PDB file of N, CA and C in Angstrom:
ATOM      1  N   MET A   1     -22.394  15.401  -8.438  1.00  0.00           N
ATOM      2  CA  MET A   1     -20.974  15.305  -8.133  1.00  0.00           C
ATOM      3  C   MET A   1     -20.378  16.704  -8.116  1.00  0.00           C
ATOM      4  N   LYS A   2     -19.552  16.952  -7.145  1.00  0.00           N
ATOM      5  CA  LYS A   2     -18.873  18.242  -7.087  1.00  0.00           C
ATOM      6  C   LYS A   2     -17.788  18.294  -8.146  1.00  0.00           C
ATOM      7  N   LYS A   3     -17.429  19.499  -8.498  1.00  0.00           N
ATOM      8  CA  LYS A   3     -16.406  19.666  -9.524  1.00  0.00           C
ATOM      9  C   LYS A   3     -15.046  19.212  -9.016  1.00  0.00           C
ATOM     10  N   ALA A   4     -14.231  18.746  -9.952  1.00  0.00           N
ATOM     11  CA  ALA A   4     -12.860  18.349  -9.615  1.00  0.00           C
ATOM     12  C   ALA A   4     -12.027  19.602  -9.380  1.00  0.00           C
ATOM     13  N   PHE A   5     -10.965  19.419  -8.667  1.00  0.00           N
ATOM     14  CA  PHE A   5      -9.959  20.448  -8.412  1.00  0.00           C
ATOM     15  C   PHE A   5     -10.411  21.529  -7.442  1.00  0.00           C
ATOM     16  N   THR A   6     -11.410  21.246  -6.636  1.00  0.00           N
ATOM     17  CA  THR A   6     -11.750  22.132  -5.537  1.00  0.00           C
ATOM     18  C   THR A   6     -10.885  21.755  -4.344  1.00  0.00           C
ATOM     19  N   LYS A   7     -10.936  22.552  -3.298  1.00  0.00           N
ATOM     20  CA  LYS A   7     -10.153  22.244  -2.094  1.00  0.00           C
ATOM     21  C   LYS A   7     -10.545  20.876  -1.533  1.00  0.00           C
ATOM     22  N   GLU A   8     -11.854  20.615  -1.498  1.00  0.00           N
ATOM     23  CA  GLU A   8     -12.335  19.327  -0.980  1.00  0.00           C
ATOM     24  C   GLU A   8     -11.849  18.174  -1.849  1.00  0.00           C
ATOM     25  N   TRP A   9     -11.844  18.391  -3.172  1.00  0.00           N
ATOM     26  CA  TRP A   9     -11.390  17.350  -4.079  1.00  0.00           C
ATOM     27  C   TRP A   9      -9.916  17.029  -3.829  1.00  0.00           C
ATOM     28  N   TRP A  10      -9.088  18.071  -3.722  1.00  0.00           N
ATOM     29  CA  TRP A  10      -7.662  17.855  -3.488  1.00  0.00           C
ATOM     30  C   TRP A  10      -7.419  17.095  -2.192  1.00  0.00           C
ATOM     31  N   LEU A  11      -8.168  17.434  -1.137  1.00  0.00           N
ATOM     32  CA  LEU A  11      -8.003  16.728   0.142  1.00  0.00           C
ATOM     33  C   LEU A  11      -8.407  15.259   0.019  1.00  0.00           C
ATOM     34  N   ALA A  12      -9.568  15.007  -0.582  1.00  0.00           N
ATOM     35  CA  ALA A  12     -10.043  13.628  -0.719  1.00  0.00           C
ATOM     36  C   ALA A  12      -9.139  12.818  -1.648  1.00  0.00           C
ATOM     37  N   ALA A  13      -8.760  13.391  -2.774  1.00  0.00           N
ATOM     38  CA  ALA A  13      -7.900  12.682  -3.728  1.00  0.00           C
ATOM     39  C   ALA A  13      -6.516  12.453  -3.130  1.00  0.00           C
ATOM     40  N   GLY A  14      -6.011  13.426  -2.391  1.00  0.00           N
ATOM     41  CA  GLY A  14      -4.705  13.275  -1.747  1.00  0.00           C
ATOM     42  C   GLY A  14      -4.701  12.174  -0.697  1.00  0.00           C
ATOM     43  N   MET A  15      -5.771  12.107   0.099  1.00  0.00           N
ATOM     44  CA  MET A  15      -5.864  11.041   1.106  1.00  0.00           C
ATOM     45  C   MET A  15      -5.945   9.672   0.443  1.00  0.00           C
ATOM     46  N   ARG A  16      -6.714   9.573  -0.638  1.00  0.00           N
ATOM     47  CA  ARG A  16      -6.787   8.308  -1.378  1.00  0.00           C
ATOM     48  C   ARG A  16      -5.422   7.923  -1.936  1.00  0.00           C
ATOM     49  N   ALA A  17      -4.724   8.900  -2.506  1.00  0.00           N
ATOM     50  CA  ALA A  17      -3.416   8.628  -3.099  1.00  0.00           C
ATOM     51  C   ALA A  17      -2.421   8.186  -2.024  1.00  0.00           C
ATOM     52  N   LEU A  18      -2.439   8.834  -0.867  1.00  0.00           N
ATOM     53  CA  LEU A  18      -1.527   8.432   0.214  1.00  0.00           C
ATOM     54  C   LEU A  18      -1.807   7.010   0.694  1.00  0.00           C
ATOM     55  N   ARG A  19      -3.073   6.664   0.830  1.00  0.00           N
ATOM     56  CA  ARG A  19      -3.411   5.283   1.227  1.00  0.00           C
ATOM     57  C   ARG A  19      -2.949   4.291   0.160  1.00  0.00           C
ATOM     58  N   THR A  20      -3.137   4.635  -1.092  1.00  0.00           N
ATOM     59  CA  THR A  20      -2.718   3.756  -2.189  1.00  0.00           C
ATOM     60  C   THR A  20      -1.207   3.592  -2.199  1.00  0.00           C
ATOM     61  N   ILE A  21      -0.472   4.680  -1.985  1.00  0.00           N
ATOM     62  CA  ILE A  21       0.993   4.620  -1.929  1.00  0.00           C
ATOM     63  C   ILE A  21       1.440   3.711  -0.796  1.00  0.00           C
ATOM     64  N   ALA A  22       0.833   3.873   0.379  1.00  0.00           N
ATOM     65  CA  ALA A  22       1.203   3.043   1.529  1.00  0.00           C
ATOM     66  C   ALA A  22       0.898   1.565   1.268  1.00  0.00           C
ATOM     67  N   GLN A  23      -0.261   1.276   0.696  1.00  0.00           N
ATOM     68  CA  GLN A  23      -0.626  -0.109   0.409  1.00  0.00           C
ATOM     69  C   GLN A  23       0.328  -0.737  -0.600  1.00  0.00           C
ATOM     70  N   THR A  24       0.701   0.024  -1.611  1.00  0.00           N
ATOM     71  CA  THR A  24       1.633  -0.489  -2.619  1.00  0.00           C
ATOM     72  C   THR A  24       3.002  -0.738  -2.021  1.00  0.00           C
ATOM     73  N   ALA A  25       3.466   0.180  -1.179  1.00  0.00           N
ATOM     74  CA  ALA A  25       4.770   0.009  -0.536  1.00  0.00           C
ATOM     75  C   ALA A  25       4.772  -1.241   0.348  1.00  0.00           C
ATOM     76  N   ILE A  26       3.727  -1.419   1.125  1.00  0.00           N
ATOM     77  CA  ILE A  26       3.646  -2.594   2.002  1.00  0.00           C
ATOM     78  C   ILE A  26       3.626  -3.878   1.185  1.00  0.00           C
ATOM     79  N   ALA A  27       2.848  -3.891   0.114  1.00  0.00           N
ATOM     80  CA  ALA A  27       2.778  -5.088  -0.730  1.00  0.00           C
ATOM     81  C   ALA A  27       4.111  -5.366  -1.411  1.00  0.00           C
ATOM     82  N   THR A  28       4.775  -4.320  -1.877  1.00  0.00           N
ATOM     83  CA  THR A  28       6.054  -4.505  -2.571  1.00  0.00           C
ATOM     84  C   THR A  28       7.138  -4.958  -1.601  1.00  0.00           C
ATOM     85  N   ILE A  29       7.168  -4.377  -0.421  1.00  0.00           N
ATOM     86  CA  ILE A  29       8.150  -4.790   0.598  1.00  0.00           C
ATOM     87  C   ILE A  29       7.888  -6.234   1.011  1.00  0.00           C
ATOM     88  N   GLY A  30       6.607  -6.588   1.077  1.00  0.00           N
ATOM     89  CA  GLY A  30       6.234  -7.939   1.499  1.00  0.00           C
ATOM     90  C   GLY A  30       6.673  -9.038   0.553  1.00  0.00           C
ATOM     91  N   THR A  31       7.102  -8.695  -0.651  1.00  0.00           N
ATOM     92  CA  THR A  31       7.552  -9.720  -1.589  1.00  0.00           C
ATOM     93  C   THR A  31       8.961 -10.197  -1.278  1.00  0.00           C
ATOM     94  N   ALA A  32       9.690  -9.459  -0.450  1.00  0.00           N
ATOM     95  CA  ALA A  32      11.062  -9.855  -0.092  1.00  0.00           C
ATOM     96  C   ALA A  32      11.025 -10.824   1.083  1.00  0.00           C
ATOM     97  N   VAL A  33      11.974 -11.757   1.090  1.00  0.00           N
ATOM     98  CA  VAL A  33      12.046 -12.736   2.167  1.00  0.00           C
ATOM     99  C   VAL A  33      12.555 -12.071   3.443  1.00  0.00           C
ATOM    100  N   VAL A  34      13.580 -11.259   3.338  1.00  0.00           N
ATOM    101  CA  VAL A  34      14.121 -10.512   4.479  1.00  0.00           C
ATOM    102  C   VAL A  34      14.286  -9.046   4.067  1.00  0.00           C
ATOM    103  N   MET A  35      14.344  -8.163   5.052  1.00  0.00           N
ATOM    104  CA  MET A  35      14.421  -6.727   4.762  1.00  0.00           C
ATOM    105  C   MET A  35      15.642  -6.364   3.925  1.00  0.00           C
ATOM    106  N   SER A  36      16.708  -7.105   4.063  1.00  0.00           N
ATOM    107  CA  SER A  36      17.909  -6.773   3.287  1.00  0.00           C
ATOM    108  C   SER A  36      17.734  -7.095   1.803  1.00  0.00           C
ATOM    109  N   ASP A  37      16.709  -7.883   1.464  1.00  0.00           N
ATOM    110  CA  ASP A  37      16.446  -8.226   0.063  1.00  0.00           C
ATOM    111  C   ASP A  37      15.488  -7.255  -0.626  1.00  0.00           C
ATOM    112  N   VAL A  38      14.999  -6.256   0.109  1.00  0.00           N
ATOM    113  CA  VAL A  38      14.032  -5.323  -0.470  1.00  0.00           C
ATOM    114  C   VAL A  38      14.721  -4.442  -1.508  1.00  0.00           C
ATOM    115  N   ASN A  39      14.130  -4.370  -2.668  1.00  0.00           N
ATOM    116  CA  ASN A  39      14.615  -3.484  -3.724  1.00  0.00           C
ATOM    117  C   ASN A  39      13.911  -2.140  -3.519  1.00  0.00           C
ATOM    118  N   TRP A  40      14.581  -1.228  -2.806  1.00  0.00           N
ATOM    119  CA  TRP A  40      13.956   0.029  -2.406  1.00  0.00           C
ATOM    120  C   TRP A  40      13.634   0.923  -3.597  1.00  0.00           C
ATOM    121  N   ILE A  41      14.407   0.818  -4.651  1.00  0.00           N
ATOM    122  CA  ILE A  41      14.107   1.598  -5.854  1.00  0.00           C
ATOM    123  C   ILE A  41      12.795   1.120  -6.468  1.00  0.00           C
ATOM    124  N   ALA A  42      12.594  -0.180  -6.512  1.00  0.00           N
ATOM    125  CA  ALA A  42      11.343  -0.731  -7.043  1.00  0.00           C
ATOM    126  C   ALA A  42      10.162  -0.344  -6.149  1.00  0.00           C
ATOM    127  N   VAL A  43      10.362  -0.361  -4.839  1.00  0.00           N
ATOM    128  CA  VAL A  43       9.301   0.034  -3.907  1.00  0.00           C
ATOM    129  C   VAL A  43       8.903   1.488  -4.156  1.00  0.00           C
ATOM    130  N   ALA A  44       9.905   2.370  -4.236  1.00  0.00           N
ATOM    131  CA  ALA A  44       9.630   3.791  -4.458  1.00  0.00           C
ATOM    132  C   ALA A  44       8.970   4.020  -5.814  1.00  0.00           C
ATOM    133  N   SER A  45       9.465   3.353  -6.836  1.00  0.00           N
ATOM    134  CA  SER A  45       8.931   3.523  -8.182  1.00  0.00           C
ATOM    135  C   SER A  45       7.478   3.059  -8.266  1.00  0.00           C
ATOM    136  N   ALA A  46       7.207   1.878  -7.770  1.00  0.00           N
ATOM    137  CA  ALA A  46       5.843   1.338  -7.823  1.00  0.00           C
ATOM    138  C   ALA A  46       4.891   2.181  -6.976  1.00  0.00           C
ATOM    139  N   SER A  47       5.359   2.631  -5.814  1.00  0.00           N
ATOM    140  CA  SER A  47       4.518   3.429  -4.931  1.00  0.00           C
ATOM    141  C   SER A  47       4.199   4.783  -5.549  1.00  0.00           C
ATOM    142  N   LEU A  48       5.194   5.433  -6.132  1.00  0.00           N
ATOM    143  CA  LEU A  48       4.976   6.719  -6.780  1.00  0.00           C
ATOM    144  C   LEU A  48       4.011   6.581  -7.954  1.00  0.00           C
ATOM    145  N   LEU A  49       4.206   5.556  -8.760  1.00  0.00           N
ATOM    146  CA  LEU A  49       3.314   5.325  -9.896  1.00  0.00           C
ATOM    147  C   LEU A  49       1.886   5.077  -9.425  1.00  0.00           C
ATOM    148  N   SER A  50       1.715   4.309  -8.361  1.00  0.00           N
ATOM    149  CA  SER A  50       0.362   4.049  -7.865  1.00  0.00           C
ATOM    150  C   SER A  50      -0.293   5.330  -7.362  1.00  0.00           C
ATOM    151  N   GLY A  51       0.490   6.217  -6.753  1.00  0.00           N
ATOM    152  CA  GLY A  51      -0.057   7.493  -6.301  1.00  0.00           C
ATOM    153  C   GLY A  51      -0.496   8.365  -7.456  1.00  0.00           C
ATOM    154  N   ILE A  52       0.302   8.408  -8.494  1.00  0.00           N
ATOM    155  CA  ILE A  52      -0.054   9.181  -9.699  1.00  0.00           C
ATOM    156  C   ILE A  52      -1.318   8.618 -10.338  1.00  0.00           C
ATOM    157  N   LEU A  53      -1.385   7.310 -10.468  1.00  0.00           N
ATOM    158  CA  LEU A  53      -2.572   6.680 -11.060  1.00  0.00           C
ATOM    159  C   LEU A  53      -3.813   6.922 -10.198  1.00  0.00           C
ATOM    160  N   SER A  54      -3.650   6.917  -8.890  1.00  0.00           N
ATOM    161  CA  SER A  54      -4.770   7.185  -8.003  1.00  0.00           C
ATOM    162  C   SER A  54      -5.304   8.594  -8.207  1.00  0.00           C
ATOM    163  N   MET A  55      -4.412   9.572  -8.329  1.00  0.00           N
ATOM    164  CA  MET A  55      -4.846  10.949  -8.572  1.00  0.00           C
ATOM    165  C   MET A  55      -5.569  11.057  -9.911  1.00  0.00           C
ATOM    166  N   LEU A  56      -5.049  10.391 -10.938  1.00  0.00           N
ATOM    167  CA  LEU A  56      -5.691  10.426 -12.254  1.00  0.00           C
ATOM    168  C   LEU A  56      -7.074   9.769 -12.216  1.00  0.00           C
ATOM    169  N   MET A  57      -7.191   8.665 -11.496  1.00  0.00           N
ATOM    170  CA  MET A  57      -8.480   7.994 -11.384  1.00  0.00           C
ATOM    171  C   MET A  57      -9.484   8.834 -10.608  1.00  0.00           C
ATOM    172  N   SER A  58      -9.001   9.655  -9.693  1.00  0.00           N
ATOM    173  CA  SER A  58      -9.888  10.509  -8.908  1.00  0.00           C
ATOM    174  C   SER A  58     -10.570  11.567  -9.756  1.00  0.00           C
ATOM    175  N   ILE A  59     -10.008  11.886 -10.902  1.00  0.00           N
ATOM    176  CA  ILE A  59     -10.632  12.860 -11.794  1.00  0.00           C
ATOM    177  C   ILE A  59     -11.998  12.357 -12.246  1.00  0.00           C
ATOM    178  N   ALA A  60     -12.139  11.046 -12.386  1.00  0.00           N
ATOM    179  CA  ALA A  60     -13.408  10.458 -12.809  1.00  0.00           C
ATOM    180  C   ALA A  60     -14.491  10.627 -11.757  1.00  0.00           C
ATOM    181  N   GLY A  61     -14.088  10.845 -10.527  1.00  0.00           N
ATOM    182  CA  GLY A  61     -15.067  11.058  -9.462  1.00  0.00           C
ATOM    183  C   GLY A  61     -14.649  10.389  -8.179  1.00  0.00           C
ATOM    184  N   LEU A  62     -15.075  10.986  -7.096  1.00  0.00           N
ATOM    185  CA  LEU A  62     -14.797  10.446  -5.770  1.00  0.00           C
ATOM    186  C   LEU A  62     -16.120  10.242  -5.040  1.00  0.00           C
ATOM    187  N   PRO A  63     -16.407   9.020  -4.602  1.00  0.00           N
ATOM    188  CA  PRO A  63     -17.655   8.774  -3.890  1.00  0.00           C
ATOM    189  C   PRO A  63     -17.797   9.638  -2.637  1.00  0.00           C
ATOM    190  N   GLU A  64     -16.674  10.009  -2.016  1.00  0.00           N
ATOM    191  CA  GLU A  64     -16.715  10.821  -0.813  1.00  0.00           C
ATOM    192  C   GLU A  64     -17.337  12.198  -1.083  1.00  0.00           C
ATOM    193  N   LEU A  65     -17.266  12.646  -2.320  1.00  0.00           N
ATOM    194  CA  LEU A  65     -17.730  13.979  -2.663  1.00  0.00           C
ATOM    195  C   LEU A  65     -19.061  13.991  -3.395  1.00  0.00           C
ATOM    196  N   GLU A  66     -19.672  12.817  -3.539  1.00  0.00           N
ATOM    197  CA  GLU A  66     -20.960  12.749  -4.224  1.00  0.00           C
ATOM    198  C   GLU A  66     -21.997  13.557  -3.435  1.00  0.00           C
ATOM    199  N   ASP A  67     -22.877  14.245  -4.157  1.00  0.00           N
ATOM    200  CA  ASP A  67     -23.961  14.972  -3.496  1.00  0.00           C
ATOM    201  C   ASP A  67     -24.876  13.973  -2.810  1.00  0.00           C
ATOM    202  N   LYS A  68     -25.149  14.268  -1.563  1.00  0.00           N
ATOM    203  CA  LYS A  68     -26.043  13.382  -0.791  1.00  0.00           C
ATOM    204  C   LYS A  68     -27.354  14.121  -0.598  1.00  0.00           C
ATOM    205  N   THR A  69     -28.416  13.555  -1.145  1.00  0.00           N
ATOM    206  CA  THR A  69     -29.734  14.151  -0.966  1.00  0.00           C
ATOM    207  C   THR A  69     -30.550  13.277  -0.045  1.00  0.00           C
ATOM    208  N   SER A  70     -31.265  13.885   0.854  1.00  0.00           N
ATOM    209  CA  SER A  70     -32.090  13.130   1.810  1.00  0.00           C
ATOM    210  C   SER A  70     -33.501  13.007   1.318  1.00  0.00           C
TER     211      SER A  70
END
């Protein structure tokens, strides 16, 4: 496994975090019956928290950065 906090790690972890944020936002928005019922503060809060947790989980390792030996 490559070391954490390299340029490659930041790119991979950032992409994972962005996907996680988007998925959380979509799921949270989807709980409202109509768009006017969306609690945007809750969407932002949950999405931000999921992004932070994703970055923290990436410290444990990213499969994208695993050494591949042939």
